[in-house]
Amino acid sequence: MVVEGLEHWNVREPGGERSYGVLRLRVRGGATGWGEGPPLTPAQVELLRQTVSGQPVHAYKVLHTRLTGHAGGAAVDMALLDCLGRISLAPVYQVLGGPTRNKVRALTDWSPEALAAGHRAFVVGLPEAEFPNPRARFVARVVERLESLQKEAGDEADFVLDGANRLPPGEAASIAAAMERLHLLFFDEPCALTNLAAARKLAEENVTPLGWGRHARRVAEIQDLLREQMIDVVRLDLARHGVTGLRAAAALAETYYVAVAPFHRGGPIATAAALHLAASLPNFFIQQTPGIGREARQARTELVGADLETAVDGYFRLPAGPGLGLKVNERALRRWTV
């Protein structure tokens, strides 16, 4: 079976500021597959169409290599796997050799609503800096905030501190040292990786686990971090690398006994792909999903005909049904097209 058609929509999510691109592949014989990635220009969509037209559905790894660096490569990867699952009458995680687990640990942005909704692991950002900002005062503010949230959330809650590449290495090291007694799941992107020597020093002098990779454009960029034992959690972006790219990174990380926690802040099609990916990885750790603002979450549920973001005691259930297990609402899709 070969690809014979490609359609793409740029959508803006109601109730939020998130935008993403939704892609549908049509396969000779009637099967379809859905994928998601960043918004695309008409020229980018046309290049995708030329690349995938006439290609066999099972060639998702070949096409992933050809589309390395293309903003739509991850969406094509998801859509091809969705097609394969639908044709095989099997969930994508079975196509990929899983499941390695029957539920997926959930991570989302902190809010009291998320705690009440069943989440038990949360991302917390850094406070706004005051300039000029003495390091000790800023570190104290970070610690005070985490201590307050831990008290509010209770003993069963875990936290990830999001550095978002904002900190200089010295300040990141001070915060990592102060966080040791709070037992974070990990400190995410504590500083930019422009100076590997400084990042290595940060990793060597602190026991707080470090997550890196959200801004990596190629899977190979994490190889030096793994070799130098500078990374505890691989955080590659699902919207950039797709299921196939994350699986390649996970295989590389597994040889160093390093866990994988894909970064994801897109829409519900990518959420479904993330859950199938998690079920196929032996070294999977935790899956981040967007915040659970009520209107935006209802919109995502309407778009794919399933609530993928309900957490029970901190875990997501695996999607049911063949492929990604979704039934995309095309009326909603077109209503939100921008």
Protein backbone atom coordinates (compact mmCIF):
# COMPACT_ATOMS: atom_id res chain seq x y z
CA MET A 1 0.00 0.00 0.00
CA VAL A 2 1.33 3.42 -0.97
CA VAL A 3 0.57 7.02 0.00
CA GLU A 4 -1.57 8.79 -2.57
CA GLY A 5 -2.72 11.95 -0.79
CA LEU A 6 -1.73 14.44 1.91
CA GLU A 7 -3.82 17.17 3.56
CA HIS A 8 -2.72 19.68 6.17
CA TRP A 9 -4.40 22.19 8.47
CA ASN A 10 -2.86 24.81 10.75
CA VAL A 11 -5.13 25.09 13.78
CA ARG A 12 -5.34 27.31 16.85
CA GLU A 13 -6.63 25.61 19.96
CA PRO A 14 -9.72 27.24 21.50
CA GLY A 15 -9.24 28.43 25.06
CA GLY A 16 -5.48 28.69 24.72
CA GLU A 17 -2.62 30.13 22.73
CA ARG A 18 -1.30 26.86 21.29
CA SER A 19 -1.12 26.40 17.55
CA TYR A 20 -0.10 23.23 15.73
CA GLY A 21 -0.37 21.56 12.36
CA VAL A 22 -2.59 18.54 11.72
CA LEU A 23 -1.79 16.24 8.82
CA ARG A 24 -3.75 13.44 7.16
CA LEU A 25 -2.28 10.86 4.80
CA ARG A 26 -4.48 8.86 2.46
CA VAL A 27 -3.35 5.44 1.35
CA ARG A 28 -4.37 3.56 -1.76
CA GLY A 29 -7.11 1.22 -0.66
CA GLY A 30 -8.86 3.72 1.60
CA ALA A 31 -6.81 3.76 4.83
CA THR A 32 -5.94 7.10 6.43
CA GLY A 33 -3.52 8.19 9.12
CA TRP A 34 -3.25 11.32 11.24
CA GLY A 35 -0.19 13.16 12.50
CA GLU A 36 0.69 16.41 14.23
CA GLY A 37 3.57 18.85 14.35
CA PRO A 38 4.32 22.57 14.19
CA PRO A 39 2.31 24.84 11.85
CA LEU A 40 3.60 24.65 8.27
CA THR A 41 3.77 26.99 5.31
CA PRO A 42 2.21 26.00 1.93
CA ALA A 43 5.71 25.44 0.54
CA GLN A 44 6.60 23.08 3.40
CA VAL A 45 3.37 21.13 2.88
CA GLU A 46 4.07 20.79 -0.83
CA LEU A 47 7.56 19.43 -0.16
CA LEU A 48 6.05 16.85 2.18
CA ARG A 49 3.52 15.88 -0.47
CA GLN A 50 6.22 15.39 -3.09
CA THR A 51 8.38 13.36 -0.68
CA VAL A 52 5.72 10.92 0.53
CA SER A 53 3.53 10.48 -2.55
CA GLY A 54 3.86 6.98 -3.98
CA GLN A 55 5.91 5.74 -1.02
CA PRO A 56 4.92 2.53 0.80
CA VAL A 57 3.32 2.97 4.20
CA HIS A 58 5.79 0.65 5.91
CA ALA A 59 8.75 2.85 4.86
CA TYR A 60 8.30 5.19 7.82
CA LYS A 61 11.95 4.88 8.89
CA VAL A 62 13.21 5.67 5.40
CA LEU A 63 10.92 8.68 5.13
CA HIS A 64 11.90 9.83 8.60
CA THR A 65 15.52 9.93 7.47
CA ARG A 66 14.63 11.79 4.27
CA LEU A 67 12.65 14.37 6.22
CA THR A 68 15.25 14.98 8.92
CA GLY A 69 15.23 18.70 9.60
CA HIS A 70 11.83 19.28 7.98
CA ALA A 71 9.27 20.78 10.37
CA GLY A 72 6.63 18.32 9.13
CA GLY A 73 8.71 15.16 9.49
CA ALA A 74 7.28 14.21 12.90
CA ALA A 75 3.68 14.59 11.65
CA VAL A 76 4.37 12.33 8.66
CA ASP A 77 6.00 9.77 10.97
CA MET A 78 2.94 9.68 13.24
CA ALA A 79 0.54 9.47 10.30
CA LEU A 80 2.41 6.57 8.68
CA LEU A 81 2.39 4.63 11.94
CA ASP A 82 -1.30 5.41 12.38
CA CYS A 83 -1.95 4.01 8.88
CA LEU A 84 0.06 0.87 9.64
CA GLY A 85 -1.87 0.28 12.84
CA ARG A 86 -5.23 0.76 11.17
CA ILE A 87 -4.30 -1.59 8.33
CA SER A 88 -2.98 -4.16 10.84
CA LEU A 89 -5.99 -3.68 13.17
CA ALA A 90 -3.50 -3.16 16.00
CA PRO A 91 -2.50 -0.23 18.25
CA VAL A 92 0.67 1.55 17.23
CA TYR A 93 2.46 0.31 20.36
CA GLN A 94 1.89 -3.27 19.17
CA VAL A 95 3.20 -2.41 15.71
CA LEU A 96 6.32 -1.15 17.50
CA GLY A 97 6.71 -4.34 19.55
CA GLY A 98 5.05 -3.30 22.83
CA PRO A 99 3.53 -2.83 25.22
CA THR A 100 6.32 -2.61 27.76
CA ARG A 101 3.82 -1.20 30.28
CA ASN A 102 0.07 -0.93 30.72
CA LYS A 103 -0.10 2.66 31.95
CA VAL A 104 1.96 5.80 31.44
CA ARG A 105 3.20 8.07 34.21
CA ALA A 106 1.84 11.59 33.70
CA LEU A 107 3.56 14.98 33.98
CA THR A 108 1.81 18.33 33.54
CA ASP A 109 2.08 21.98 34.52
CA TRP A 110 1.41 22.65 38.18
CA SER A 111 -2.05 23.83 39.20
CA PRO A 112 -4.40 22.91 42.04
CA GLU A 113 -6.87 21.82 39.35
CA ALA A 114 -4.36 19.35 37.95
CA LEU A 115 -3.78 17.91 41.43
CA ALA A 116 -7.54 17.52 41.96
CA ALA A 117 -7.85 15.88 38.51
CA GLY A 118 -5.53 13.01 39.44
CA HIS A 119 -2.07 14.25 38.45
CA ARG A 120 0.81 13.54 40.80
CA ALA A 121 3.84 14.94 38.93
CA PHE A 122 4.18 18.59 37.98
CA VAL A 123 6.39 21.00 36.06
CA VAL A 124 7.21 24.26 37.86
CA GLY A 125 8.89 27.21 36.15
CA LEU A 126 11.44 29.57 37.61
CA PRO A 127 10.19 32.78 39.25
CA GLU A 128 10.67 36.00 37.36
CA ALA A 129 14.13 37.38 37.94
CA GLU A 130 14.74 40.77 39.52
CA PHE A 131 17.67 42.64 37.99
CA PRO A 132 20.18 43.22 39.31
CA ASN A 133 19.56 39.87 40.98
CA PRO A 134 21.85 38.58 43.74
CA ARG A 135 22.24 34.81 43.26
CA ALA A 136 21.52 33.86 46.87
CA ARG A 137 18.21 35.75 46.91
CA PHE A 138 17.04 34.16 43.67
CA VAL A 139 18.00 30.64 44.79
CA ALA A 140 16.13 31.20 48.05
CA ARG A 141 13.00 32.23 46.13
CA VAL A 142 13.17 29.05 44.02
CA VAL A 143 13.56 26.84 47.10
CA GLU A 144 10.76 28.60 48.97
CA ARG A 145 8.39 28.13 46.07
CA LEU A 146 9.13 24.41 45.72
CA GLU A 147 8.82 23.85 49.45
CA SER A 148 5.46 25.61 49.45
CA LEU A 149 4.17 23.54 46.53
CA GLN A 150 5.37 20.29 48.07
CA LYS A 151 3.49 21.14 51.24
CA GLU A 152 0.33 22.03 49.26
CA ALA A 153 0.44 18.96 47.01
CA GLY A 154 1.31 16.40 49.67
CA ASP A 155 3.80 13.56 49.97
CA GLU A 156 2.58 11.72 46.87
CA ALA A 157 3.41 14.58 44.49
CA ASP A 158 6.68 14.96 42.57
CA PHE A 159 8.08 18.01 40.84
CA VAL A 160 10.25 18.94 37.87
CA LEU A 161 11.93 22.35 37.87
CA ASP A 162 11.99 23.90 34.40
CA GLY A 163 15.10 26.00 33.86
CA ALA A 164 14.11 26.69 30.23
CA ASN A 165 17.73 27.47 29.33
CA ARG A 166 17.40 30.74 31.25
CA LEU A 167 20.21 30.40 33.77
CA PRO A 168 23.96 30.91 33.58
CA PRO A 169 25.82 27.73 34.60
CA GLY A 170 26.90 29.09 37.99
CA GLU A 171 23.38 30.00 39.03
CA ALA A 172 22.06 26.68 37.69
CA ALA A 173 24.64 24.88 39.84
CA SER A 174 23.57 26.79 42.94
CA ILE A 175 19.92 25.91 42.37
CA ALA A 176 20.74 22.25 41.63
CA ALA A 177 22.66 22.01 44.91
CA ALA A 178 19.85 23.66 46.86
CA MET A 179 17.30 21.32 45.29
CA GLU A 180 19.07 18.14 46.41
CA ARG A 181 17.16 17.88 49.67
CA LEU A 182 13.82 18.42 47.86
CA HIS A 183 14.36 15.34 45.65
CA LEU A 184 13.14 16.68 42.31
CA LEU A 185 12.33 14.19 39.57
CA PHE A 186 14.80 16.23 37.51
CA PHE A 187 16.00 19.76 36.77
CA ASP A 188 15.00 20.39 33.15
CA GLU A 189 17.25 22.40 30.80
CA PRO A 190 19.07 24.20 33.64
CA CYS A 191 21.29 26.19 31.26
CA ALA A 192 22.16 26.46 27.59
CA LEU A 193 24.55 23.85 26.23
CA THR A 194 26.82 26.39 24.59
CA ASN A 195 29.61 25.45 27.02
CA LEU A 196 29.87 21.69 27.52
CA ALA A 197 32.64 22.08 30.10
CA ALA A 198 30.34 24.17 32.32
CA ALA A 199 27.49 21.70 31.85
CA ARG A 200 29.81 18.80 32.71
CA LYS A 201 30.87 20.58 35.91
CA LEU A 202 27.19 21.08 36.79
CA ALA A 203 26.49 17.37 36.34
CA GLU A 204 29.56 16.22 38.26
CA GLU A 205 29.09 18.45 41.30
CA ASN A 206 25.37 17.83 41.96
CA VAL A 207 23.14 14.81 42.53
CA THR A 208 19.93 16.48 41.29
CA PRO A 209 19.05 14.62 38.03
CA LEU A 210 19.36 16.75 34.88
CA GLY A 211 17.17 16.69 31.80
CA TRP A 212 18.44 17.91 28.42
CA GLY A 213 17.44 17.82 24.77
CA ARG A 214 14.32 19.91 24.28
CA HIS A 215 16.13 22.23 21.89
CA ALA A 216 18.20 19.59 20.08
CA ARG A 217 17.59 19.54 16.34
CA ARG A 218 19.17 16.13 15.77
CA VAL A 219 19.18 12.98 17.88
CA ALA A 220 22.98 12.82 17.61
CA GLU A 221 23.26 16.01 19.68
CA ILE A 222 22.59 14.06 22.88
CA GLN A 223 25.35 11.55 22.19
CA ASP A 224 28.12 13.66 23.77
CA LEU A 225 25.93 14.26 26.82
CA LEU A 226 25.41 10.53 27.23
CA ARG A 227 29.07 9.70 26.67
CA GLU A 228 30.17 12.27 29.26
CA GLN A 229 27.48 11.14 31.75
CA MET A 230 26.02 14.65 31.81
CA ILE A 231 22.38 13.68 31.27
CA ASP A 232 19.93 11.72 33.42
CA VAL A 233 16.74 12.22 31.40
CA VAL A 234 16.49 12.60 27.60
CA ARG A 235 13.98 15.33 26.77
CA LEU A 236 13.79 15.43 22.97
CA ASP A 237 10.75 17.22 21.53
CA LEU A 238 8.17 14.84 20.05
CA ALA A 239 6.93 17.51 17.61
CA ARG A 240 10.43 17.82 16.16
CA HIS A 241 11.68 14.23 16.17
CA GLY A 242 8.52 12.12 15.93
CA VAL A 243 8.01 8.63 17.28
CA THR A 244 10.82 7.15 15.19
CA GLY A 245 13.35 9.79 16.26
CA LEU A 246 12.48 9.35 19.93
CA ARG A 247 12.81 5.58 19.63
CA ALA A 248 16.28 6.01 18.12
CA ALA A 249 17.25 8.32 20.98
CA ALA A 250 15.82 5.88 23.54
CA ALA A 251 17.85 3.02 22.09
CA LEU A 252 20.98 5.15 22.36
CA ALA A 253 20.14 6.23 25.91
CA GLU A 254 19.38 2.67 27.00
CA THR A 255 23.00 1.67 26.50
CA TYR A 256 23.93 4.30 29.13
CA TYR A 257 21.06 3.35 31.50
CA VAL A 258 19.45 6.76 30.91
CA ALA A 259 15.67 7.31 30.94
CA VAL A 260 13.52 9.06 28.34
CA ALA A 261 10.81 11.63 29.09
CA PRO A 262 9.65 13.16 25.77
CA PHE A 263 8.84 16.86 25.74
CA HIS A 264 5.34 17.58 24.40
CA ARG A 265 3.25 20.74 24.46
CA GLY A 266 1.21 20.27 21.29
CA GLY A 267 -2.25 18.91 20.58
CA PRO A 268 -4.16 15.67 21.20
CA ILE A 269 -2.93 13.71 18.16
CA ALA A 270 0.65 14.07 19.40
CA THR A 271 -0.54 13.17 22.91
CA ALA A 272 -1.89 9.88 21.56
CA ALA A 273 1.39 9.28 19.71
CA ALA A 274 3.30 10.02 22.92
CA LEU A 275 1.32 7.42 24.86
CA HIS A 276 1.92 4.75 22.19
CA LEU A 277 5.61 5.70 22.17
CA ALA A 278 5.79 5.38 25.96
CA ALA A 279 4.25 1.91 25.81
CA SER A 280 6.93 0.78 23.34
CA LEU A 281 10.03 1.97 25.27
CA PRO A 282 11.72 -0.13 27.96
CA ASN A 283 13.52 2.94 29.38
CA PHE A 284 10.55 5.31 29.37
CA PHE A 285 10.23 7.49 32.50
CA ILE A 286 7.37 10.01 32.35
CA GLN A 287 5.26 11.77 29.70
CA GLN A 288 4.64 15.49 29.74
CA THR A 289 1.32 16.80 28.38
CA PRO A 290 -0.08 20.33 28.12
CA GLY A 291 -1.73 22.05 31.07
CA ILE A 292 -5.31 21.13 31.79
CA GLY A 293 -7.17 24.43 31.37
CA ARG A 294 -10.82 23.41 31.15
CA GLU A 295 -11.76 24.99 27.81
CA ALA A 296 -8.59 23.90 26.03
CA ARG A 297 -8.89 20.35 27.35
CA GLN A 298 -12.51 20.11 26.22
CA ALA A 299 -11.43 21.34 22.80
CA ARG A 300 -8.72 18.69 22.53
CA THR A 301 -11.21 15.99 23.54
CA GLU A 302 -13.69 17.20 20.92
CA LEU A 303 -11.03 17.21 18.21
CA VAL A 304 -10.06 13.54 18.58
CA GLY A 305 -13.18 12.01 20.11
CA ALA A 306 -11.35 10.80 23.23
CA ASP A 307 -10.18 12.17 26.55
CA LEU A 308 -6.52 11.23 26.61
CA GLU A 309 -5.54 13.47 29.52
CA THR A 310 -7.46 11.96 32.44
CA ALA A 311 -4.90 10.81 34.99
CA VAL A 312 -5.72 8.21 37.63
CA ASP A 313 -3.33 8.35 40.60
CA GLY A 314 -0.75 10.00 38.36
CA TYR A 315 -1.00 7.69 35.34
CA PHE A 316 -2.61 7.82 31.88
CA ARG A 317 -4.27 4.77 30.41
CA LEU A 318 -3.17 3.54 26.99
CA PRO A 319 -5.35 4.49 23.99
CA ALA A 320 -7.64 1.74 22.71
CA GLY A 321 -8.31 0.82 19.10
CA PRO A 322 -6.15 0.36 15.99
CA GLY A 323 -3.52 2.88 14.97
CA LEU A 324 -3.38 5.85 17.30
CA GLY A 325 -6.91 5.00 18.45
CA LEU A 326 -8.42 8.35 17.38
CA LYS A 327 -11.43 9.49 15.40
CA VAL A 328 -10.65 13.04 14.33
CA ASN A 329 -13.60 15.44 14.21
CA GLU A 330 -13.10 17.11 10.84
CA ARG A 331 -15.82 19.67 11.52
CA ALA A 332 -13.97 20.89 14.62
CA LEU A 333 -10.68 20.71 12.74
CA ARG A 334 -11.91 23.02 9.99
CA ARG A 335 -13.58 25.35 12.50
CA TRP A 336 -10.24 25.93 14.23
CA THR A 337 -8.18 26.26 11.07
CA VAL A 338 -6.24 29.51 10.83
